[in-house]
């Protein structure tokens, strides 16, 4: 985003990544945190965590060429745990309620993903940009993170699935395993474009104004 690492873009004066770190730091469901990031950002992530008292951070690792490579590096750094929660650092508004759901569903099902029902009608397009079909909107959910897994299942997925995927749930699906969807939040946006920053600032401002003093 304009050549900047979006994880450090300030949202009301606070780095984007810090919103995530603080949410997982506060959660009683989380014991340790590992961050995968670009090699040139490792030192900055550590500085932010130290400056803001993120005591659960156990590792900051170099990201890989693909998303799944970055997650694999973080898994190695985490060591032996029961449940792994994978979360996009660019989704600053995860909260403890969503984190708790992620942990509960992983304990019950082994694999789960936050998701929200889509609001728009979705069209499947041909290469010529004509409509191929219109799926039933009632069956469509937009996947988010956090996604949660038993450690053994996620490691198996990373070991066996080598083709490119867009999220870890897709790797588990490729094993033929069931992934449970649980309710995320429409506030749980992924900051990808400059327009998203404006939306994120609005959400952060509302949360700041309505949070207990």
Protein backbone atom coordinates (compact mmCIF):
# COMPACT_ATOMS: atom_id res chain seq x y z
CA UNK A 1 0.00 0.00 0.00
CA UNK A 2 2.02 2.95 -1.37
CA UNK A 3 5.15 0.92 -0.67
CA UNK A 4 4.42 0.77 3.05
CA UNK A 5 3.99 -2.34 5.14
CA UNK A 6 0.29 -2.10 5.88
CA UNK A 7 0.77 -3.73 9.30
CA UNK A 8 2.36 -0.51 10.51
CA UNK A 9 -0.14 1.93 9.04
CA UNK A 10 -1.53 4.03 11.92
CA UNK A 11 -5.21 3.69 12.72
CA UNK A 12 -6.05 6.54 15.11
CA UNK A 13 -2.36 6.72 15.93
CA UNK A 14 -1.92 3.00 16.66
CA UNK A 15 -0.15 0.59 14.27
CA UNK A 16 -2.62 -1.72 12.55
CA UNK A 17 -0.84 -4.84 13.82
CA UNK A 18 -1.02 -3.66 17.42
CA UNK A 19 -4.82 -3.95 17.44
CA UNK A 20 -4.44 -7.68 16.74
CA UNK A 21 -1.61 -8.19 19.19
CA UNK A 22 -3.58 -6.51 21.98
CA UNK A 23 -6.69 -8.60 21.27
CA UNK A 24 -4.78 -11.87 21.53
CA UNK A 25 -2.76 -10.61 24.50
CA UNK A 26 -5.99 -9.89 26.41
CA UNK A 27 -7.64 -13.20 25.60
CA UNK A 28 -7.53 -15.86 28.29
CA UNK A 29 -7.88 -18.42 25.50
CA UNK A 30 -4.44 -17.60 24.07
CA UNK A 31 -1.18 -18.72 25.62
CA UNK A 32 1.41 -17.69 23.04
CA UNK A 33 1.68 -15.62 19.88
CA UNK A 34 3.95 -16.00 16.84
CA UNK A 35 4.06 -13.42 14.06
CA UNK A 36 5.23 -14.12 10.51
CA UNK A 37 6.25 -11.00 8.63
CA UNK A 38 8.57 -9.70 5.94
CA UNK A 39 12.24 -9.96 6.87
CA UNK A 40 12.65 -6.19 6.90
CA UNK A 41 9.75 -5.86 9.37
CA UNK A 42 10.89 -8.35 12.02
CA UNK A 43 12.68 -5.78 14.17
CA UNK A 44 9.78 -3.33 14.03
CA UNK A 45 7.28 -5.99 15.12
CA UNK A 46 9.48 -6.85 18.10
CA UNK A 47 9.81 -3.18 19.01
CA UNK A 48 6.04 -2.64 18.92
CA UNK A 49 5.43 -5.71 21.07
CA UNK A 50 8.05 -4.66 23.63
CA UNK A 51 6.86 -1.06 23.75
CA UNK A 52 3.25 -2.08 24.38
CA UNK A 53 3.79 -4.98 26.78
CA UNK A 54 2.80 -7.88 24.52
CA UNK A 55 4.11 -10.58 26.85
CA UNK A 56 2.66 -13.57 24.98
CA UNK A 57 4.78 -12.98 21.87
CA UNK A 58 7.21 -15.91 21.66
CA UNK A 59 8.51 -15.53 18.10
CA UNK A 60 8.67 -13.20 15.12
CA UNK A 61 9.60 -15.22 12.05
CA UNK A 62 10.33 -14.43 8.44
CA UNK A 63 7.38 -14.88 6.13
CA UNK A 64 7.65 -17.19 3.15
CA UNK A 65 6.96 -16.77 -0.54
CA UNK A 66 3.36 -17.89 -0.04
CA UNK A 67 0.83 -17.49 2.73
CA UNK A 68 1.08 -21.16 3.69
CA UNK A 69 4.87 -20.92 3.89
CA UNK A 70 4.56 -18.07 6.39
CA UNK A 71 2.09 -20.03 8.50
CA UNK A 72 4.35 -23.08 8.40
CA UNK A 73 7.27 -21.00 9.69
CA UNK A 74 5.13 -19.67 12.54
CA UNK A 75 3.92 -23.18 13.40
CA UNK A 76 7.50 -24.36 13.80
CA UNK A 77 8.24 -21.44 16.11
CA UNK A 78 5.17 -22.06 18.29
CA UNK A 79 6.22 -25.56 19.29
CA UNK A 80 3.82 -28.00 20.94
CA UNK A 81 0.33 -26.61 21.55
CA UNK A 82 -3.15 -28.12 21.36
CA UNK A 83 -4.98 -25.54 19.26
CA UNK A 84 -3.58 -23.11 16.69
CA UNK A 85 -5.40 -19.92 15.70
CA UNK A 86 -4.31 -18.41 12.38
CA UNK A 87 -5.16 -14.73 11.97
CA UNK A 88 -4.43 -12.05 9.38
CA UNK A 89 -2.51 -9.16 10.90
CA UNK A 90 -4.44 -6.88 8.56
CA UNK A 91 -7.72 -7.69 10.37
CA UNK A 92 -7.43 -5.34 13.35
CA UNK A 93 -10.89 -5.76 14.87
CA UNK A 94 -10.89 -9.36 16.02
CA UNK A 95 -12.30 -9.53 19.54
CA UNK A 96 -12.33 -11.98 22.41
CA UNK A 97 -15.80 -13.28 21.57
CA UNK A 98 -14.62 -14.35 18.11
CA UNK A 99 -11.38 -15.78 19.53
CA UNK A 100 -13.38 -17.82 22.07
CA UNK A 101 -15.62 -19.19 19.32
CA UNK A 102 -12.56 -20.15 17.29
CA UNK A 103 -11.07 -22.11 20.18
CA UNK A 104 -14.35 -23.82 21.09
CA UNK A 105 -15.02 -24.91 17.50
CA UNK A 106 -11.50 -26.23 17.02
CA UNK A 107 -11.83 -28.31 20.17
CA UNK A 108 -15.17 -29.67 18.91
CA UNK A 109 -14.45 -30.14 15.20
CA UNK A 110 -10.70 -29.93 14.67
CA UNK A 111 -10.97 -27.15 12.07
CA UNK A 112 -13.04 -23.97 11.95
CA UNK A 113 -13.19 -20.59 10.28
CA UNK A 114 -14.85 -17.30 11.08
CA UNK A 115 -17.21 -16.23 8.31
CA UNK A 116 -20.06 -13.85 7.62
CA UNK A 117 -23.04 -14.26 5.28
CA UNK A 118 -22.57 -12.32 2.06
CA UNK A 119 -24.77 -9.28 1.58
CA UNK A 120 -24.48 -8.93 -2.18
CA UNK A 121 -25.72 -11.19 -4.93
CA UNK A 122 -22.72 -13.08 -6.32
CA UNK A 123 -22.26 -13.76 -10.03
CA UNK A 124 -19.96 -16.43 -11.45
CA UNK A 125 -18.33 -14.94 -14.55
CA UNK A 126 -17.00 -16.49 -17.73
CA UNK A 127 -13.62 -15.39 -19.19
CA UNK A 128 -15.64 -13.10 -21.47
CA UNK A 129 -17.24 -11.45 -18.42
CA UNK A 130 -20.70 -12.78 -19.02
CA UNK A 131 -22.70 -14.35 -16.22
CA UNK A 132 -22.22 -18.11 -16.00
CA UNK A 133 -24.44 -18.60 -12.96
CA UNK A 134 -25.88 -16.96 -9.87
CA UNK A 135 -25.37 -19.06 -6.73
CA UNK A 136 -28.00 -19.08 -4.03
CA UNK A 137 -26.92 -16.27 -1.73
CA UNK A 138 -28.29 -18.10 1.31
CA UNK A 139 -25.51 -20.69 0.93
CA UNK A 140 -22.65 -18.19 0.52
CA UNK A 141 -20.41 -17.06 3.35
CA UNK A 142 -17.35 -14.83 3.17
CA UNK A 143 -14.47 -16.49 5.00
CA UNK A 144 -12.46 -14.47 7.48
CA UNK A 145 -9.82 -15.15 10.07
CA UNK A 146 -9.32 -16.26 12.76
CA UNK A 147 -9.25 -19.84 11.58
CA UNK A 148 -8.54 -22.48 14.19
CA UNK A 149 -7.24 -26.03 14.07
CA UNK A 150 -5.90 -28.84 16.14
CA UNK A 151 -2.13 -28.66 15.79
CA UNK A 152 -1.78 -32.17 14.37
CA UNK A 153 -4.41 -31.57 11.70
CA UNK A 154 -2.91 -28.27 10.58
CA UNK A 155 0.58 -29.78 10.45
CA UNK A 156 -0.73 -32.66 8.36
CA UNK A 157 -2.33 -30.19 5.96
CA UNK A 158 0.89 -28.22 5.60
CA UNK A 159 2.86 -31.40 5.08
CA UNK A 160 0.61 -32.90 2.41
CA UNK A 161 -0.98 -29.99 0.53
CA UNK A 162 1.56 -28.32 -1.74
CA UNK A 163 -0.58 -26.41 -4.24
CA UNK A 164 -1.31 -22.74 -3.63
CA UNK A 165 -4.28 -21.94 -1.40
CA UNK A 166 -5.78 -18.70 -0.17
CA UNK A 167 -6.31 -19.80 3.42
CA UNK A 168 -5.50 -22.62 5.81
CA UNK A 169 -9.07 -23.88 5.83
CA UNK A 170 -8.69 -24.69 2.13
CA UNK A 171 -5.68 -26.87 2.94
CA UNK A 172 -7.70 -28.86 5.45
CA UNK A 173 -10.59 -29.10 2.99
CA UNK A 174 -8.14 -30.55 0.44
CA UNK A 175 -7.47 -33.38 2.88
CA UNK A 176 -11.16 -34.24 2.73
CA UNK A 177 -11.74 -33.03 6.27
CA UNK A 178 -14.67 -30.96 7.48
CA UNK A 179 -14.20 -27.29 8.32
CA UNK A 180 -16.88 -25.75 10.56
CA UNK A 181 -17.93 -22.15 9.94
CA UNK A 182 -18.74 -19.92 12.89
CA UNK A 183 -20.05 -16.38 12.97
CA UNK A 184 -17.42 -13.70 12.54
CA UNK A 185 -18.22 -10.00 12.31
CA UNK A 186 -18.75 -7.50 9.52
CA UNK A 187 -16.46 -5.21 11.56
CA UNK A 188 -13.70 -7.80 11.19
CA UNK A 189 -12.50 -6.25 7.94
CA UNK A 190 -9.23 -6.92 6.16
CA UNK A 191 -7.35 -3.69 5.44
CA UNK A 192 -6.16 -4.03 1.85
CA UNK A 193 -6.86 -0.74 0.06
CA UNK A 194 -6.62 2.94 1.02
CA UNK A 195 -10.41 3.00 1.26
CA UNK A 196 -10.23 0.29 3.90
CA UNK A 197 -8.15 2.58 6.10
CA UNK A 198 -11.00 5.09 6.19
CA UNK A 199 -13.43 2.34 7.18
CA UNK A 200 -11.01 1.01 9.81
CA UNK A 201 -10.61 4.45 11.36
CA UNK A 202 -14.38 4.80 11.59
CA UNK A 203 -14.74 1.41 13.30
CA UNK A 204 -11.87 2.18 15.67
CA UNK A 205 -13.41 5.54 16.56
CA UNK A 206 -16.79 4.01 17.37
CA UNK A 207 -15.17 1.30 19.49
CA UNK A 208 -13.12 3.89 21.34
CA UNK A 209 -16.17 6.02 22.06
CA UNK A 210 -18.27 3.08 23.27
CA UNK A 211 -15.63 1.19 25.26
CA UNK A 212 -15.85 1.24 29.08
CA UNK A 213 -13.80 3.99 30.65
